[in-house]
Amino acid sequence: MGRVQALALAAVLTAVPVLAGCVAEPGPSPTSPLASGPAATGSAAPPSTSAPLETTQSSNKAPVYWIGRSNSNIFLYREFRDVPEQENPVTRALRAMMSDKPLDPDFFTPWQNPGKLATSISGKDVITVDVSEDAFNSNLDADMAARAVQQLVYTATAAAASSGLIDSGQQIRVRILVDGHTDYMAFGHVQLGALMTRQAGLVAPVWIVDPQEGVEVADGSVKITGRSLSAGGKLRWQILRGGENGAKAPFLTGETTASSDQGQAGVFTLALTLPTGDYELKVAQAGTGEGPDQFEDTRTFKVR
């Protein structure tokens, strides 16, 4: 992510386990409640809704969720990453989540690169993840531990859905085993072993989907896409352009409205033609009345 101002937004155990990946829908989670942690801070509470499920795509990129900060709030944010193809889609995405670094410097992951990681799909809607204990070698409080577990649930379900391994029209559940066993206490706080689903209210209320952090866009044609959890809600955007001394100055500003159409709810998109340069994009949920804008997401990119 970057700090930007300006822009035009034109938006896997049954008898025969199947190694693959799957997707989960919004629903209650057996994990510890996220009551009074970092994400509960801030001047306004995020919408109590889960992230829209990923749809099947032809891209080989893996959807990976990271933990990120937006002002005083902490949310889950997604990036699409290039990953090796020797493993099934769910395992690939989770391995990236546990061993890679986010593209956006505002994101992070508390997971450690595991010595063992395997996933399988049973029936039509259950993903089983078996990971070695060394993946949990981080000292987290209860609230962040719960978020880290949900980070895994979101990533596993996203990978299964986007790869078409599981129908995203149903609720997908995830069971996490540690060295083949249930009842492990993740990060010393979250009981594992029971089936989990995506927990509502954890994904960022506003996120920029494209361009991804640090990409180069050719020919000055920039398509900006993103999603807001507030369908039909107003968003403010700004683009900053870098100068010769490295300073950034406002270049474009504007407002847009997230779609309220069925199937596209919350999507926003803009198309711009920008000259060569380094840019930062900032998008936020418009404040009400005299209130400040909320839940800002930012992104840096280049036009070459």
Protein backbone atom coordinates (compact mmCIF):
# COMPACT_ATOMS: atom_id res chain seq x y z
CA MET A 1 0.00 0.00 0.00
CA GLY A 2 1.33 3.48 -0.06
CA ARG A 3 0.11 6.82 1.17
CA VAL A 4 -1.55 8.45 -1.78
CA GLN A 5 -3.83 11.23 -2.55
CA ALA A 6 -5.73 11.44 -5.76
CA LEU A 7 -7.14 9.63 -8.67
CA ALA A 8 -10.08 8.77 -10.76
CA LEU A 9 -11.62 5.38 -9.81
CA ALA A 10 -13.57 4.20 -12.98
CA ALA A 11 -13.03 -1.00 -9.56
CA VAL A 12 -8.75 -29.14 1.53
CA LEU A 13 -9.81 -35.94 4.91
CA THR A 14 -12.04 -38.59 3.89
CA ALA A 15 -11.26 -42.13 2.72
CA VAL A 16 -9.95 -40.74 -0.47
CA PRO A 17 -8.65 -37.25 0.24
CA VAL A 18 -8.32 -34.90 -2.67
CA LEU A 19 -5.38 -32.56 -2.55
CA ALA A 20 -6.68 -29.22 -3.59
CA GLY A 21 -8.17 -26.05 -2.21
CA CYS A 22 -11.52 -24.45 -1.42
CA VAL A 23 -13.61 -21.43 -0.42
CA ALA A 24 -15.58 -20.27 2.58
CA GLU A 25 -18.49 -17.98 2.95
CA PRO A 26 -19.50 -15.63 5.71
CA GLY A 27 -20.62 -17.39 8.86
CA PRO A 28 -19.95 -17.78 12.56
CA SER A 29 -16.50 -19.05 13.47
CA PRO A 30 -15.60 -21.44 16.31
CA THR A 31 -12.49 -19.38 16.97
CA SER A 32 -12.13 -17.02 19.90
CA PRO A 33 -14.24 -13.88 19.60
CA LEU A 34 -12.55 -10.76 18.37
CA ALA A 35 -14.02 -8.57 21.01
CA SER A 36 -11.82 -5.71 22.05
CA GLY A 37 -8.70 -5.86 19.89
CA PRO A 38 -7.08 -3.43 17.51
CA ALA A 39 -9.77 -3.77 14.90
CA ALA A 40 -12.33 -2.59 17.40
CA THR A 41 -10.60 0.72 17.82
CA GLY A 42 -11.17 3.83 15.82
CA SER A 43 -13.93 6.31 15.48
CA ALA A 44 -16.31 4.07 13.56
CA ALA A 45 -17.01 0.34 13.54
CA PRO A 46 -16.52 -1.51 10.24
CA PRO A 47 -19.56 -2.99 8.51
CA SER A 48 -20.52 -6.34 10.09
CA THR A 49 -20.19 -8.34 6.90
CA SER A 50 -17.65 -10.75 5.47
CA ALA A 51 -15.65 -10.38 2.31
CA PRO A 52 -17.37 -11.29 -0.94
CA LEU A 53 -16.33 -14.76 -2.02
CA GLU A 54 -13.73 -15.00 -4.75
CA THR A 55 -14.98 -16.20 -8.11
CA THR A 56 -13.28 -18.66 -10.47
CA GLN A 57 -10.59 -17.01 -12.55
CA SER A 58 -8.25 -18.09 -15.32
CA SER A 59 -5.21 -16.46 -13.70
CA ASN A 60 -2.60 -18.67 -12.04
CA LYS A 61 -2.03 -16.09 -9.35
CA ALA A 62 -2.84 -17.15 -5.78
CA PRO A 63 -5.12 -15.03 -3.58
CA VAL A 64 -3.33 -14.39 -0.28
CA TYR A 65 -4.75 -12.50 2.69
CA TRP A 66 -2.54 -10.40 4.92
CA ILE A 67 -3.12 -8.43 8.10
CA GLY A 68 -2.89 -4.70 7.61
CA ARG A 69 -3.50 -1.44 9.39
CA SER A 70 -5.75 1.40 8.37
CA ASN A 71 -5.24 4.24 10.79
CA SER A 72 -6.06 2.70 14.22
CA ASN A 73 -7.93 -0.26 12.73
CA ILE A 74 -6.59 -3.71 11.77
CA PHE A 75 -8.16 -5.65 8.90
CA LEU A 76 -7.50 -8.45 6.41
CA TYR A 77 -6.37 -7.39 2.94
CA ARG A 78 -5.86 -9.56 -0.17
CA GLU A 79 -3.10 -9.65 -2.77
CA PHE A 80 -2.80 -11.90 -5.82
CA ARG A 81 0.67 -13.47 -5.93
CA ASP A 82 2.75 -15.44 -8.44
CA VAL A 83 3.47 -18.84 -6.87
CA PRO A 84 5.14 -22.12 -7.98
CA GLU A 85 2.68 -24.58 -9.50
CA GLN A 86 4.01 -27.89 -8.14
CA GLU A 87 1.42 -27.95 -5.34
CA ASN A 88 -2.38 -27.69 -5.33
CA PRO A 89 -3.89 -24.19 -5.31
CA VAL A 90 -4.78 -24.11 -1.61
CA THR A 91 -1.37 -25.32 -0.46
CA ARG A 92 0.33 -22.83 -2.77
CA ALA A 93 -1.61 -19.90 -1.40
CA LEU A 94 -1.07 -20.90 2.24
CA ARG A 95 2.64 -21.47 1.68
CA ALA A 96 2.91 -17.98 0.25
CA MET A 97 1.00 -16.60 3.24
CA MET A 98 3.40 -18.28 5.67
CA SER A 99 6.70 -17.75 3.88
CA ASP A 100 6.46 -14.69 1.62
CA LYS A 101 6.36 -11.02 2.43
CA PRO A 102 3.43 -8.86 1.33
CA LEU A 103 3.97 -6.55 -1.62
CA ASP A 104 2.43 -3.72 0.33
CA PRO A 105 4.61 -2.49 3.22
CA ASP A 106 1.49 -1.69 5.24
CA PHE A 107 0.65 -5.42 5.43
CA PHE A 108 2.25 -8.19 7.53
CA THR A 109 1.84 -11.84 8.53
CA PRO A 110 2.59 -13.44 11.92
CA TRP A 111 2.89 -16.92 10.38
CA GLN A 112 6.28 -18.65 10.02
CA ASN A 113 7.48 -20.83 7.14
CA PRO A 114 6.41 -24.37 8.14
CA GLY A 115 8.45 -27.53 7.77
CA LYS A 116 5.28 -29.34 6.67
CA LEU A 117 2.13 -28.14 4.98
CA ALA A 118 -0.58 -30.19 3.24
CA THR A 119 -4.20 -29.58 2.33
CA SER A 120 -7.07 -31.76 1.15
CA ILE A 121 -10.74 -31.40 0.26
CA SER A 122 -13.40 -33.82 1.50
CA GLY A 123 -17.00 -33.92 0.41
CA LYS A 124 -18.10 -30.74 -1.29
CA ASP A 125 -17.32 -28.13 1.29
CA VAL A 126 -14.55 -29.02 3.77
CA ILE A 127 -10.90 -28.06 3.47
CA THR A 128 -8.45 -29.73 5.84
CA VAL A 129 -5.15 -27.99 6.46
CA ASP A 130 -2.36 -29.96 8.19
CA VAL A 131 0.57 -27.80 9.18
CA SER A 132 3.60 -28.36 11.40
CA GLU A 133 3.87 -26.68 14.80
CA ASP A 134 6.74 -24.44 13.74
CA ALA A 135 4.32 -22.28 11.75
CA PHE A 136 3.08 -20.82 15.05
CA ASN A 137 6.42 -19.52 16.33
CA SER A 138 5.19 -15.97 16.95
CA ASN A 139 4.28 -14.32 20.22
CA LEU A 140 0.76 -12.92 19.75
CA ASP A 141 -1.97 -11.68 22.05
CA ALA A 142 -5.39 -13.38 21.91
CA ASP A 143 -6.91 -10.86 19.54
CA MET A 144 -4.10 -11.00 16.98
CA ALA A 145 -3.97 -14.82 17.27
CA ALA A 146 -7.65 -14.98 16.31
CA ARG A 147 -7.00 -12.72 13.35
CA ALA A 148 -4.07 -14.86 12.23
CA VAL A 149 -6.25 -17.99 12.26
CA GLN A 150 -8.89 -16.18 10.23
CA GLN A 151 -6.15 -15.03 7.84
CA LEU A 152 -5.53 -18.72 7.12
CA VAL A 153 -9.26 -19.47 6.74
CA TYR A 154 -9.75 -16.59 4.33
CA THR A 155 -6.70 -17.54 2.24
CA ALA A 156 -7.61 -21.25 2.03
CA THR A 157 -11.20 -20.56 1.03
CA ALA A 158 -10.18 -17.87 -1.45
CA ALA A 159 -7.71 -20.22 -3.17
CA ALA A 160 -10.31 -22.99 -3.44
CA ALA A 161 -12.93 -20.68 -4.82
CA SER A 162 -10.80 -18.81 -7.31
CA SER A 163 -9.32 -22.06 -8.68
CA GLY A 164 -12.79 -23.61 -9.09
CA LEU A 165 -12.06 -26.52 -6.73
CA ILE A 166 -15.15 -25.80 -4.68
CA ASP A 167 -18.38 -24.08 -5.63
CA SER A 168 -18.26 -20.61 -4.14
CA GLY A 169 -22.05 -20.61 -3.97
CA GLN A 170 -21.96 -22.69 -0.78
CA GLN A 171 -20.48 -22.13 2.65
CA ILE A 172 -16.99 -23.63 2.84
CA ARG A 173 -15.52 -24.88 6.11
CA VAL A 174 -11.90 -25.28 7.17
CA ARG A 175 -10.39 -27.69 9.70
CA ILE A 176 -6.84 -26.98 10.88
CA LEU A 177 -4.68 -29.86 12.12
CA VAL A 178 -1.22 -29.46 13.60
CA ASP A 179 1.13 -32.36 12.85
CA GLY A 180 -1.96 -34.47 12.14
CA HIS A 181 -3.66 -33.76 15.47
CA THR A 182 -6.66 -31.75 16.60
CA ASP A 183 -6.96 -29.64 19.76
CA TYR A 184 -3.81 -27.60 19.23
CA MET A 185 -3.87 -24.13 20.79
CA ALA A 186 -2.78 -21.79 17.99
CA PHE A 187 -0.37 -19.13 19.15
CA GLY A 188 -1.31 -20.17 22.69
CA HIS A 189 -4.81 -18.72 22.38
CA VAL A 190 -7.06 -20.24 19.68
CA GLN A 191 -8.34 -23.84 19.98
CA LEU A 192 -8.07 -25.66 16.64
CA GLY A 193 -9.69 -28.83 15.32
CA ALA A 194 -13.31 -27.74 14.89
CA LEU A 195 -14.66 -26.64 11.53
CA MET A 196 -14.31 -22.93 10.91
CA THR A 197 -15.81 -20.51 8.43
CA ARG A 198 -14.96 -16.97 7.51
CA GLN A 199 -15.72 -14.68 10.39
CA ALA A 200 -17.60 -11.53 9.54
CA GLY A 201 -16.27 -8.03 9.96
CA LEU A 202 -12.57 -8.74 9.47
CA VAL A 203 -11.86 -7.68 5.93
CA ALA A 204 -11.09 -4.09 5.14
CA PRO A 205 -14.21 -2.02 4.49
CA VAL A 206 -12.40 -0.41 1.55
CA TRP A 207 -9.66 -2.00 -0.50
CA ILE A 208 -7.94 -1.33 -3.79
CA VAL A 209 -7.79 -4.47 -5.96
CA ASP A 210 -5.81 -3.08 -8.91
CA PRO A 211 -3.26 -1.81 -9.50
CA GLN A 212 -1.28 -3.90 -7.02
CA GLU A 213 1.51 -2.33 -5.00
CA GLY A 214 4.53 -1.22 -7.01
CA VAL A 215 3.37 -2.35 -10.46
CA GLU A 216 4.33 -0.57 -13.67
CA VAL A 217 1.52 0.36 -16.01
CA ALA A 218 2.29 0.81 -19.69
CA ASP A 219 1.09 3.53 -22.04
CA GLY A 220 -0.41 5.64 -19.30
CA SER A 221 -3.70 3.74 -19.36
CA VAL A 222 -4.59 2.99 -15.75
CA LYS A 223 -7.66 1.01 -14.71
CA ILE A 224 -8.43 1.24 -11.03
CA THR A 225 -10.70 -1.32 -9.41
CA GLY A 226 -11.61 -1.96 -5.82
CA ARG A 227 -14.34 -3.00 -3.44
CA SER A 228 -16.21 -1.41 -0.61
CA LEU A 229 -18.30 -3.37 1.89
CA SER A 230 -20.80 -0.54 1.69
CA ALA A 231 -22.75 -1.18 -1.52
CA GLY A 232 -23.92 2.11 -2.94
CA GLY A 233 -21.66 4.03 -0.57
CA LYS A 234 -19.73 7.13 -1.54
CA LEU A 235 -15.94 6.98 -1.79
CA ARG A 236 -13.36 9.73 -2.10
CA TRP A 237 -10.13 9.18 -3.99
CA GLN A 238 -6.97 11.12 -4.58
CA ILE A 239 -3.84 10.63 -6.66
CA LEU A 240 -0.46 12.09 -5.78
CA ARG A 241 2.35 12.39 -8.30
CA GLY A 242 6.01 12.18 -7.30
CA GLY A 243 8.31 15.06 -8.13
CA GLU A 244 12.02 15.16 -8.92
CA ASN A 245 12.96 15.64 -5.27
CA GLY A 246 10.83 12.67 -4.20
CA ALA A 247 8.06 14.80 -2.79
CA LYS A 248 4.49 14.01 -3.79
CA ALA A 249 1.93 16.57 -4.74
CA PRO A 250 -1.83 16.27 -5.34
CA PHE A 251 -2.53 15.48 -8.98
CA LEU A 252 -6.16 14.32 -9.19
CA THR A 253 -9.04 14.06 -6.76
CA GLY A 254 -12.62 12.93 -7.04
CA GLU A 255 -15.56 10.96 -5.71
CA THR A 256 -17.20 7.74 -6.87
CA THR A 257 -19.99 5.46 -5.70
CA ALA A 258 -19.63 1.72 -5.02
CA SER A 259 -21.98 -0.36 -7.14
CA SER A 260 -25.25 -1.50 -5.63
CA ASP A 261 -26.02 -3.88 -8.52
CA GLN A 262 -26.56 -7.55 -7.69
CA GLY A 263 -23.37 -9.54 -8.36
CA GLN A 264 -21.28 -6.37 -8.37
CA ALA A 265 -22.26 -4.96 -5.00
CA GLY A 266 -19.53 -2.77 -3.56
CA VAL A 267 -17.35 -2.77 -6.68
CA PHE A 268 -15.88 0.50 -7.85
CA THR A 269 -13.86 1.09 -10.98
CA LEU A 270 -12.21 3.99 -12.76
CA ALA A 271 -10.24 4.41 -15.97
CA LEU A 272 -7.57 7.08 -16.29
CA THR A 273 -4.91 8.19 -18.69
CA LEU A 274 -1.86 9.37 -16.76
CA PRO A 275 1.49 10.69 -17.97
CA THR A 276 4.75 8.94 -17.11
CA GLY A 277 5.53 9.21 -13.43
CA ASP A 278 5.37 7.73 -9.95
CA TYR A 279 1.98 7.84 -8.27
CA GLU A 280 0.17 7.13 -5.04
CA LEU A 281 -3.54 6.34 -4.91
CA LYS A 282 -5.67 6.84 -1.83
CA VAL A 283 -9.30 5.70 -1.48
CA ALA A 284 -11.50 6.08 1.57
CA GLN A 285 -15.10 5.76 2.63
CA ALA A 286 -16.58 9.24 2.64
CA GLY A 287 -17.41 10.56 6.08
CA THR A 288 -20.95 11.55 6.93
CA GLY A 289 -21.79 15.15 7.59
CA GLU A 290 -18.74 16.91 8.93
CA GLY A 291 -17.12 13.60 9.92
CA PRO A 292 -13.73 12.55 8.52
CA ASP A 293 -13.30 9.98 5.78
CA GLN A 294 -12.81 6.41 7.06
CA PHE A 295 -10.99 3.13 6.33
CA GLU A 296 -8.46 4.49 3.86
CA ASP A 297 -6.52 2.16 1.56
CA THR A 298 -3.52 3.34 -0.44
CA ARG A 299 -1.39 2.04 -3.28
CA THR A 300 1.76 3.14 -5.13
CA PHE A 301 2.35 2.44 -8.82
CA LYS A 302 4.34 3.71 -11.80
CA VAL A 303 3.35 4.71 -15.30
CA ARG A 304 6.08 4.03 -17.86
